[in-house]
Amino acid sequence: MKRFLKTLIFIPIFLFLVNNSAIAKIQSKDTGKLDALNGLKNVYSHLMKNGHIVRLEFKKPVVEWIEPVFYKKSVEIDFPKAFVSSSKKSFNAESSLISNIFARQFDKKTLRIRFDTKIGATDIKRRFNIVQQGRFIIIRFDSKKPFSSYVISNNNS
């Protein structure tokens, strides 16, 4: 009887330990895959006198990106070998050109950034500029005229 009780106690404990070690191995493989990818750390949005600047900060320098695709109401850029920690993130970017910025995981190894353009924003393709500076991707949307919300201080008064 004692042997039966010992067996009843030992088997669930053994199965629990085996299961936890298998889960730990799977999780270590997944984090190893993410270490090979470049993570998006943050998105900064700045309204300037002559346009709107969006800075994408990554953990490592960006090696490549796919040319932007311009749609009627948005602009999308794909970053191979990159990821965002949650599957979707949204950032406010209130300007006369851009309303929102969405970062989402397109597939296992591709991060897609989408800029939603406002109604009436025209000629976005011509006003769109992208440049890399180390870990940062800087995207500038030029305005046709200075934004009215940008205040220029006058020190003569």
N, C-alpha and C. Protein backbone atom coordinates (compact mmCIF):
# COMPACT_ATOMS: atom_id res chain seq x y z
N MET A 1 0.81 -1.19 0.00
CA MET A 1 0.00 0.00 0.00
C MET A 1 0.86 1.26 0.00
N LYS A 2 1.97 1.22 0.81
CA LYS A 2 2.86 2.37 0.86
C LYS A 2 3.51 2.61 -0.51
N ARG A 3 3.85 1.51 -1.13
CA ARG A 3 4.48 1.62 -2.45
C ARG A 3 3.52 2.25 -3.46
N PHE A 4 2.27 1.89 -3.39
CA PHE A 4 1.25 2.44 -4.28
C PHE A 4 1.09 3.95 -4.05
N LEU A 5 1.06 4.38 -2.81
CA LEU A 5 0.93 5.80 -2.49
C LEU A 5 2.16 6.59 -2.95
N LYS A 6 3.34 6.01 -2.77
CA LYS A 6 4.55 6.68 -3.24
C LYS A 6 4.51 6.85 -4.76
N THR A 7 4.05 5.82 -5.45
CA THR A 7 3.95 5.88 -6.90
C THR A 7 2.92 6.94 -7.33
N LEU A 8 1.82 7.02 -6.63
CA LEU A 8 0.79 8.01 -6.94
C LEU A 8 1.32 9.44 -6.74
N ILE A 9 2.16 9.64 -5.79
CA ILE A 9 2.73 10.97 -5.54
C ILE A 9 3.86 11.26 -6.52
N PHE A 10 4.70 10.28 -6.79
CA PHE A 10 5.89 10.48 -7.62
C PHE A 10 5.54 10.74 -9.09
N ILE A 11 4.58 10.02 -9.66
CA ILE A 11 4.26 10.15 -11.08
C ILE A 11 3.79 11.56 -11.45
N PRO A 12 2.84 12.19 -10.73
CA PRO A 12 2.46 13.56 -11.10
C PRO A 12 3.61 14.56 -10.96
N ILE A 13 4.43 14.39 -9.94
CA ILE A 13 5.57 15.30 -9.77
C ILE A 13 6.54 15.13 -10.94
N PHE A 14 6.81 13.90 -11.31
CA PHE A 14 7.71 13.62 -12.44
C PHE A 14 7.15 14.23 -13.74
N LEU A 15 5.87 14.03 -14.00
CA LEU A 15 5.25 14.58 -15.21
C LEU A 15 5.27 16.12 -15.20
N PHE A 16 5.05 16.72 -14.06
CA PHE A 16 5.09 18.18 -13.94
C PHE A 16 6.49 18.70 -14.27
N LEU A 17 7.54 18.07 -13.74
CA LEU A 17 8.90 18.51 -14.00
C LEU A 17 9.30 18.31 -15.47
N VAL A 18 8.91 17.23 -16.07
CA VAL A 18 9.22 16.96 -17.47
C VAL A 18 8.52 18.00 -18.36
N ASN A 19 7.27 18.28 -18.05
CA ASN A 19 6.51 19.26 -18.82
C ASN A 19 7.14 20.66 -18.73
N ASN A 20 7.55 21.08 -17.55
CA ASN A 20 8.17 22.40 -17.37
C ASN A 20 9.50 22.50 -18.10
N SER A 21 10.29 21.43 -18.09
CA SER A 21 11.57 21.49 -18.80
C SER A 21 11.35 21.57 -20.31
N ALA A 22 10.31 20.91 -20.82
CA ALA A 22 10.01 20.99 -22.26
C ALA A 22 9.57 22.40 -22.63
N ILE A 23 8.76 23.03 -21.80
CA ILE A 23 8.31 24.41 -22.07
C ILE A 23 9.49 25.37 -22.03
N ALA A 24 10.40 25.17 -21.09
CA ALA A 24 11.58 26.04 -21.00
C ALA A 24 12.43 25.92 -22.26
N LYS A 25 12.57 24.73 -22.82
CA LYS A 25 13.34 24.55 -24.05
C LYS A 25 12.68 25.26 -25.22
N ILE A 26 11.36 25.16 -25.32
CA ILE A 26 10.62 25.83 -26.40
C ILE A 26 10.77 27.34 -26.28
N GLN A 27 10.64 27.88 -25.07
CA GLN A 27 10.75 29.33 -24.88
C GLN A 27 12.16 29.82 -25.18
N SER A 28 13.18 29.05 -24.85
CA SER A 28 14.55 29.48 -25.14
C SER A 28 14.80 29.49 -26.65
N LYS A 29 14.18 28.56 -27.39
CA LYS A 29 14.30 28.57 -28.85
C LYS A 29 13.63 29.81 -29.43
N ASP A 30 12.45 30.19 -28.91
CA ASP A 30 11.74 31.37 -29.41
C ASP A 30 12.51 32.65 -29.13
N THR A 31 13.09 32.80 -27.95
CA THR A 31 13.85 34.02 -27.65
C THR A 31 15.12 34.06 -28.48
N GLY A 32 15.68 32.91 -28.81
CA GLY A 32 16.84 32.87 -29.69
C GLY A 32 16.50 33.39 -31.07
N LYS A 33 15.30 33.07 -31.56
CA LYS A 33 14.87 33.57 -32.86
C LYS A 33 14.67 35.08 -32.82
N LEU A 34 14.11 35.60 -31.73
CA LEU A 34 13.88 37.04 -31.62
C LEU A 34 15.19 37.81 -31.49
N ASP A 35 16.20 37.20 -30.89
CA ASP A 35 17.50 37.88 -30.76
C ASP A 35 18.12 38.11 -32.13
N ALA A 36 17.80 37.26 -33.10
CA ALA A 36 18.34 37.44 -34.45
C ALA A 36 17.63 38.55 -35.19
N LEU A 37 16.43 38.94 -34.72
CA LEU A 37 15.66 40.00 -35.37
C LEU A 37 15.92 41.33 -34.68
N ASN A 38 15.64 42.41 -35.40
CA ASN A 38 15.84 43.76 -34.90
C ASN A 38 14.52 44.29 -34.35
N GLY A 39 14.48 44.58 -33.06
CA GLY A 39 13.25 45.01 -32.41
C GLY A 39 13.00 46.51 -32.51
N LEU A 40 11.75 46.88 -32.73
CA LEU A 40 11.35 48.29 -32.73
C LEU A 40 11.19 48.71 -31.28
N LYS A 41 12.00 49.69 -30.84
CA LYS A 41 11.94 50.14 -29.45
C LYS A 41 10.89 51.21 -29.24
N ASN A 42 10.88 52.22 -30.12
CA ASN A 42 9.96 53.34 -29.91
C ASN A 42 9.72 54.09 -31.22
N VAL A 43 8.66 54.88 -31.23
CA VAL A 43 8.33 55.73 -32.36
C VAL A 43 8.15 57.14 -31.82
N TYR A 44 8.87 58.09 -32.41
CA TYR A 44 8.79 59.49 -32.01
C TYR A 44 8.17 60.29 -33.15
N SER A 45 7.25 61.18 -32.81
CA SER A 45 6.58 61.99 -33.82
C SER A 45 6.79 63.46 -33.46
N HIS A 46 7.27 64.24 -34.43
CA HIS A 46 7.56 65.65 -34.20
C HIS A 46 6.91 66.49 -35.29
N LEU A 47 6.17 67.49 -34.88
CA LEU A 47 5.60 68.43 -35.82
C LEU A 47 6.56 69.59 -35.96
N MET A 48 7.01 69.83 -37.19
CA MET A 48 7.98 70.89 -37.46
C MET A 48 7.30 71.99 -38.30
N LYS A 49 8.01 73.10 -38.44
CA LYS A 49 7.47 74.22 -39.20
C LYS A 49 7.18 73.83 -40.65
N ASN A 50 8.06 73.06 -41.25
CA ASN A 50 7.92 72.73 -42.66
C ASN A 50 7.54 71.28 -42.92
N GLY A 51 7.03 70.58 -41.91
CA GLY A 51 6.62 69.20 -42.14
C GLY A 51 6.44 68.41 -40.85
N HIS A 52 6.37 67.15 -41.03
CA HIS A 52 6.16 66.21 -39.93
C HIS A 52 7.26 65.16 -39.98
N ILE A 53 7.95 64.96 -38.86
CA ILE A 53 9.04 63.99 -38.80
C ILE A 53 8.65 62.85 -37.87
N VAL A 54 8.87 61.62 -38.34
CA VAL A 54 8.64 60.42 -37.54
C VAL A 54 9.97 59.69 -37.44
N ARG A 55 10.39 59.40 -36.20
CA ARG A 55 11.64 58.65 -36.00
C ARG A 55 11.29 57.27 -35.45
N LEU A 56 11.75 56.25 -36.13
CA LEU A 56 11.58 54.87 -35.68
C LEU A 56 12.89 54.44 -35.04
N GLU A 57 12.84 54.08 -33.77
CA GLU A 57 14.06 53.65 -33.06
C GLU A 57 14.07 52.13 -32.95
N PHE A 58 15.13 51.52 -33.44
CA PHE A 58 15.31 50.07 -33.38
C PHE A 58 16.41 49.73 -32.39
N LYS A 59 16.50 48.47 -31.98
CA LYS A 59 17.54 48.03 -31.05
C LYS A 59 18.92 48.00 -31.71
N LYS A 60 18.95 47.65 -32.99
CA LYS A 60 20.21 47.56 -33.74
C LYS A 60 20.10 48.42 -34.99
N PRO A 61 21.22 48.76 -35.61
CA PRO A 61 21.13 49.51 -36.88
C PRO A 61 20.31 48.74 -37.92
N VAL A 62 19.50 49.47 -38.66
CA VAL A 62 18.63 48.87 -39.67
C VAL A 62 19.45 48.57 -40.91
N VAL A 63 19.40 47.33 -41.35
CA VAL A 63 20.18 46.90 -42.50
C VAL A 63 19.44 47.18 -43.81
N GLU A 64 18.13 46.91 -43.81
CA GLU A 64 17.38 47.08 -45.05
C GLU A 64 15.92 47.36 -44.77
N TRP A 65 15.26 47.95 -45.76
CA TRP A 65 13.82 48.11 -45.74
C TRP A 65 13.34 48.04 -47.17
N ILE A 66 12.07 47.70 -47.31
CA ILE A 66 11.47 47.61 -48.64
C ILE A 66 10.86 48.96 -48.97
N GLU A 67 11.03 49.38 -50.21
CA GLU A 67 10.52 50.69 -50.64
C GLU A 67 9.06 50.87 -50.22
N PRO A 68 8.70 52.08 -49.81
CA PRO A 68 7.32 52.31 -49.36
C PRO A 68 6.31 52.11 -50.48
N VAL A 69 5.14 51.65 -50.07
CA VAL A 69 4.02 51.48 -50.99
C VAL A 69 2.99 52.55 -50.64
N PHE A 70 2.59 53.33 -51.63
CA PHE A 70 1.66 54.44 -51.42
C PHE A 70 0.26 54.03 -51.85
N TYR A 71 -0.67 54.11 -50.91
CA TYR A 71 -2.07 53.84 -51.18
C TYR A 71 -2.84 55.16 -51.10
N LYS A 72 -4.13 55.09 -51.38
CA LYS A 72 -4.95 56.30 -51.37
C LYS A 72 -5.02 56.94 -49.98
N LYS A 73 -5.11 56.10 -48.93
CA LYS A 73 -5.27 56.62 -47.57
C LYS A 73 -4.13 56.26 -46.63
N SER A 74 -3.05 55.67 -47.16
CA SER A 74 -1.95 55.27 -46.28
C SER A 74 -0.65 55.07 -47.05
N VAL A 75 0.43 54.96 -46.27
CA VAL A 75 1.75 54.62 -46.80
C VAL A 75 2.27 53.48 -45.94
N GLU A 76 2.81 52.43 -46.55
CA GLU A 76 3.33 51.28 -45.81
C GLU A 76 4.78 51.01 -46.16
N ILE A 77 5.56 50.70 -45.12
CA ILE A 77 6.96 50.34 -45.29
C ILE A 77 7.19 49.03 -44.55
N ASP A 78 7.86 48.08 -45.19
CA ASP A 78 8.19 46.80 -44.57
C ASP A 78 9.67 46.78 -44.20
N PHE A 79 9.95 46.22 -43.02
CA PHE A 79 11.31 46.05 -42.53
C PHE A 79 11.57 44.56 -42.32
N PRO A 80 12.29 43.92 -43.24
CA PRO A 80 12.62 42.50 -43.05
C PRO A 80 13.55 42.33 -41.85
N LYS A 81 13.48 41.17 -41.24
CA LYS A 81 14.31 40.81 -40.10
C LYS A 81 14.11 41.78 -38.94
N ALA A 82 12.86 42.23 -38.73
CA ALA A 82 12.53 43.13 -37.63
C ALA A 82 11.22 42.67 -36.99
N PHE A 83 10.98 43.11 -35.76
CA PHE A 83 9.76 42.73 -35.07
C PHE A 83 9.34 43.83 -34.11
N VAL A 84 8.08 43.77 -33.70
CA VAL A 84 7.53 44.64 -32.66
C VAL A 84 7.08 43.72 -31.54
N SER A 85 7.31 44.13 -30.28
CA SER A 85 7.11 43.24 -29.13
C SER A 85 5.68 42.71 -29.03
N SER A 86 4.68 43.56 -29.16
CA SER A 86 3.32 43.04 -29.26
C SER A 86 2.97 42.98 -30.74
N SER A 87 1.98 42.21 -31.09
CA SER A 87 1.71 42.03 -32.52
C SER A 87 1.25 43.30 -33.22
N LYS A 88 0.67 44.25 -32.46
CA LYS A 88 0.24 45.52 -33.03
C LYS A 88 0.50 46.64 -32.03
N LYS A 89 0.94 47.78 -32.56
CA LYS A 89 1.09 48.98 -31.74
C LYS A 89 0.59 50.16 -32.54
N SER A 90 0.00 51.12 -31.84
CA SER A 90 -0.52 52.31 -32.49
C SER A 90 0.09 53.54 -31.83
N PHE A 91 0.41 54.54 -32.64
CA PHE A 91 1.02 55.78 -32.14
C PHE A 91 0.27 56.95 -32.76
N ASN A 92 -0.05 57.96 -31.94
CA ASN A 92 -0.69 59.16 -32.46
C ASN A 92 0.33 60.01 -33.19
N ALA A 93 -0.11 60.63 -34.26
CA ALA A 93 0.77 61.49 -35.05
C ALA A 93 -0.05 62.61 -35.66
N GLU A 94 -0.67 63.40 -34.83
CA GLU A 94 -1.57 64.43 -35.33
C GLU A 94 -0.81 65.54 -36.06
N SER A 95 -1.02 65.61 -37.34
CA SER A 95 -0.53 66.70 -38.16
C SER A 95 -1.53 66.89 -39.29
N SER A 96 -1.27 67.81 -40.17
CA SER A 96 -2.21 68.02 -41.27
C SER A 96 -2.08 66.92 -42.33
N LEU A 97 -1.07 66.07 -42.22
CA LEU A 97 -0.85 65.01 -43.21
C LEU A 97 -1.14 63.61 -42.67
N ILE A 98 -0.68 63.32 -41.46
CA ILE A 98 -0.74 61.97 -40.89
C ILE A 98 -1.63 61.97 -39.66
N SER A 99 -2.50 60.96 -39.55
CA SER A 99 -3.36 60.86 -38.37
C SER A 99 -2.86 59.82 -37.38
N ASN A 100 -2.42 58.66 -37.86
CA ASN A 100 -1.95 57.59 -36.98
C ASN A 100 -0.79 56.84 -37.62
N ILE A 101 -0.01 56.21 -36.74
CA ILE A 101 1.07 55.33 -37.18
C ILE A 101 0.81 53.97 -36.54
N PHE A 102 0.79 52.93 -37.34
CA PHE A 102 0.57 51.57 -36.85
C PHE A 102 1.80 50.72 -37.14
N ALA A 103 2.26 50.01 -36.14
CA ALA A 103 3.35 49.05 -36.30
C ALA A 103 2.75 47.67 -36.02
N ARG A 104 2.94 46.75 -36.96
CA ARG A 104 2.42 45.40 -36.74
C ARG A 104 3.35 44.38 -37.37
N GLN A 105 3.27 43.18 -36.84
CA GLN A 105 4.08 42.09 -37.34
C GLN A 105 3.37 41.51 -38.55
N PHE A 106 3.93 41.72 -39.74
CA PHE A 106 3.31 41.24 -40.97
C PHE A 106 3.43 39.73 -41.08
N ASP A 107 4.64 39.20 -40.85
CA ASP A 107 4.86 37.76 -40.75
C ASP A 107 5.94 37.55 -39.69
N LYS A 108 6.47 36.34 -39.59
CA LYS A 108 7.41 36.04 -38.51
C LYS A 108 8.67 36.89 -38.54
N LYS A 109 9.06 37.35 -39.72
CA LYS A 109 10.33 38.08 -39.84
C LYS A 109 10.18 39.47 -40.46
N THR A 110 8.96 39.97 -40.60
CA THR A 110 8.77 41.26 -41.26
C THR A 110 7.89 42.17 -40.42
N LEU A 111 8.41 43.36 -40.16
CA LEU A 111 7.65 44.40 -39.45
C LEU A 111 7.09 45.36 -40.49
N ARG A 112 5.82 45.69 -40.37
CA ARG A 112 5.18 46.63 -41.30
C ARG A 112 4.75 47.87 -40.53
N ILE A 113 5.16 49.03 -41.04
CA ILE A 113 4.76 50.32 -40.47
C ILE A 113 3.80 50.96 -41.46
N ARG A 114 2.63 51.38 -40.96
CA ARG A 114 1.64 52.04 -41.81
C ARG A 114 1.36 53.44 -41.28
N PHE A 115 1.40 54.40 -42.17
CA PHE A 115 1.08 55.78 -41.85
C PHE A 115 -0.28 56.08 -42.49
N ASP A 116 -1.28 56.36 -41.66
CA ASP A 116 -2.59 56.73 -42.18
C ASP A 116 -2.58 58.21 -42.54
N THR A 117 -2.90 58.51 -43.78
CA THR A 117 -2.92 59.90 -44.22
C THR A 117 -4.31 60.48 -44.02
N LYS A 118 -4.35 61.77 -43.80
CA LYS A 118 -5.63 62.44 -43.59
C LYS A 118 -6.31 62.71 -44.93
N ILE A 119 -7.60 62.87 -44.85
CA ILE A 119 -8.37 63.20 -46.05
C ILE A 119 -7.92 64.58 -46.53
N GLY A 120 -7.67 64.70 -47.79
CA GLY A 120 -7.22 65.96 -48.35
C GLY A 120 -5.71 66.09 -48.45
N ALA A 121 -4.97 65.15 -47.85
CA ALA A 121 -3.50 65.16 -47.98
C ALA A 121 -3.16 64.65 -49.37
N THR A 122 -2.60 65.54 -50.18
CA THR A 122 -2.31 65.18 -51.56
C THR A 122 -0.81 65.15 -51.81
N ASP A 123 -0.44 64.48 -52.86
CA ASP A 123 0.95 64.44 -53.32
C ASP A 123 1.90 63.90 -52.24
N ILE A 124 1.44 62.91 -51.49
CA ILE A 124 2.24 62.34 -50.40
C ILE A 124 3.52 61.71 -50.93
N LYS A 125 3.45 61.07 -52.07
CA LYS A 125 4.63 60.39 -52.62
C LYS A 125 5.78 61.37 -52.85
N ARG A 126 5.47 62.56 -53.32
CA ARG A 126 6.50 63.56 -53.59
C ARG A 126 7.02 64.18 -52.28
N ARG A 127 6.18 64.23 -51.27
CA ARG A 127 6.56 64.87 -50.00
C ARG A 127 7.14 63.90 -48.98
N PHE A 128 7.27 62.63 -49.34
CA PHE A 128 7.75 61.59 -48.44
C PHE A 128 9.26 61.41 -48.60
N ASN A 129 9.99 61.48 -47.50
CA ASN A 129 11.45 61.27 -47.51
C ASN A 129 11.81 60.30 -46.40
N ILE A 130 12.74 59.39 -46.68
CA ILE A 130 13.19 58.42 -45.68
C ILE A 130 14.71 58.36 -45.69
N VAL A 131 15.30 58.31 -44.49
CA VAL A 131 16.75 58.23 -44.36
C VAL A 131 17.08 57.41 -43.10
N GLN A 132 18.22 56.74 -43.14
CA GLN A 132 18.66 55.95 -42.00
C GLN A 132 19.81 56.67 -41.31
N GLN A 133 19.78 56.68 -39.96
CA GLN A 133 20.88 57.18 -39.15
C GLN A 133 21.12 56.19 -38.02
N GLY A 134 21.98 55.22 -38.27
CA GLY A 134 22.28 54.20 -37.26
C GLY A 134 21.06 53.37 -36.93
N ARG A 135 20.64 53.41 -35.65
CA ARG A 135 19.49 52.64 -35.20
C ARG A 135 18.16 53.32 -35.54
N PHE A 136 18.21 54.51 -36.09
CA PHE A 136 17.00 55.28 -36.37
C PHE A 136 16.68 55.31 -37.86
N ILE A 137 15.40 55.20 -38.14
CA ILE A 137 14.88 55.48 -39.48
C ILE A 137 14.09 56.77 -39.33
N ILE A 138 14.44 57.77 -40.12
CA ILE A 138 13.78 59.06 -40.03
C ILE A 138 12.95 59.26 -41.29
N ILE A 139 11.66 59.50 -41.07
CA ILE A 139 10.73 59.69 -42.17
C ILE A 139 10.17 61.11 -42.05
N ARG A 140 10.28 61.84 -43.14
CA ARG A 140 9.82 63.24 -43.15
C ARG A 140 8.72 63.40 -44.19
N PHE A 141 7.63 64.01 -43.77
CA PHE A 141 6.54 64.38 -44.66
C PHE A 141 6.59 65.90 -44.78
N ASP A 142 7.02 66.39 -45.92
CA ASP A 142 7.10 67.84 -46.13
C ASP A 142 5.71 68.42 -46.33
N SER A 143 5.51 69.63 -45.82
CA SER A 143 4.23 70.31 -46.04
C SER A 143 4.39 71.32 -47.17
N LYS A 144 3.30 71.63 -47.82
CA LYS A 144 3.33 72.61 -48.89
C LYS A 144 3.54 74.01 -48.34
N LYS A 145 2.95 74.25 -47.17
CA LYS A 145 3.13 75.53 -46.50
C LYS A 145 3.34 75.25 -45.02
N PRO A 146 3.93 76.16 -44.26
CA PRO A 146 4.16 75.92 -42.83
C PRO A 146 2.86 75.64 -42.10
N PHE A 147 2.93 74.74 -41.12
CA PHE A 147 1.76 74.40 -40.33
C PHE A 147 1.32 75.60 -39.51
N SER A 148 0.02 75.81 -39.44
CA SER A 148 -0.50 76.93 -38.66
C SER A 148 -0.37 76.69 -37.16
N SER A 149 -0.24 75.43 -36.74
CA SER A 149 -0.13 75.13 -35.32
C SER A 149 1.28 75.36 -34.80
N TYR A 150 2.22 75.57 -35.69
CA TYR A 150 3.59 75.83 -35.29
C TYR A 150 3.75 77.32 -35.05
N VAL A 151 4.11 77.71 -33.82
CA VAL A 151 4.19 79.10 -33.45
C VAL A 151 5.63 79.57 -33.54
N ILE A 152 5.87 80.65 -34.25
CA ILE A 152 7.20 81.25 -34.34
C ILE A 152 7.25 82.39 -33.35
N SER A 153 8.20 82.34 -32.44
CA SER A 153 8.26 83.41 -31.44
C SER A 153 8.87 84.66 -32.05
N ASN A 154 8.37 85.79 -31.61
CA ASN A 154 8.85 87.07 -32.09
C ASN A 154 9.49 87.79 -30.92
N ASN A 155 10.78 87.96 -30.95
CA ASN A 155 11.50 88.56 -29.82
C ASN A 155 11.56 90.10 -29.92
N ASN A 156 10.99 90.67 -30.96
CA ASN A 156 11.02 92.11 -31.15
C ASN A 156 9.98 92.85 -30.32
N SER A 157 9.03 92.17 -29.75
CA SER A 157 7.95 92.85 -29.03
C SER A 157 8.35 93.26 -27.64
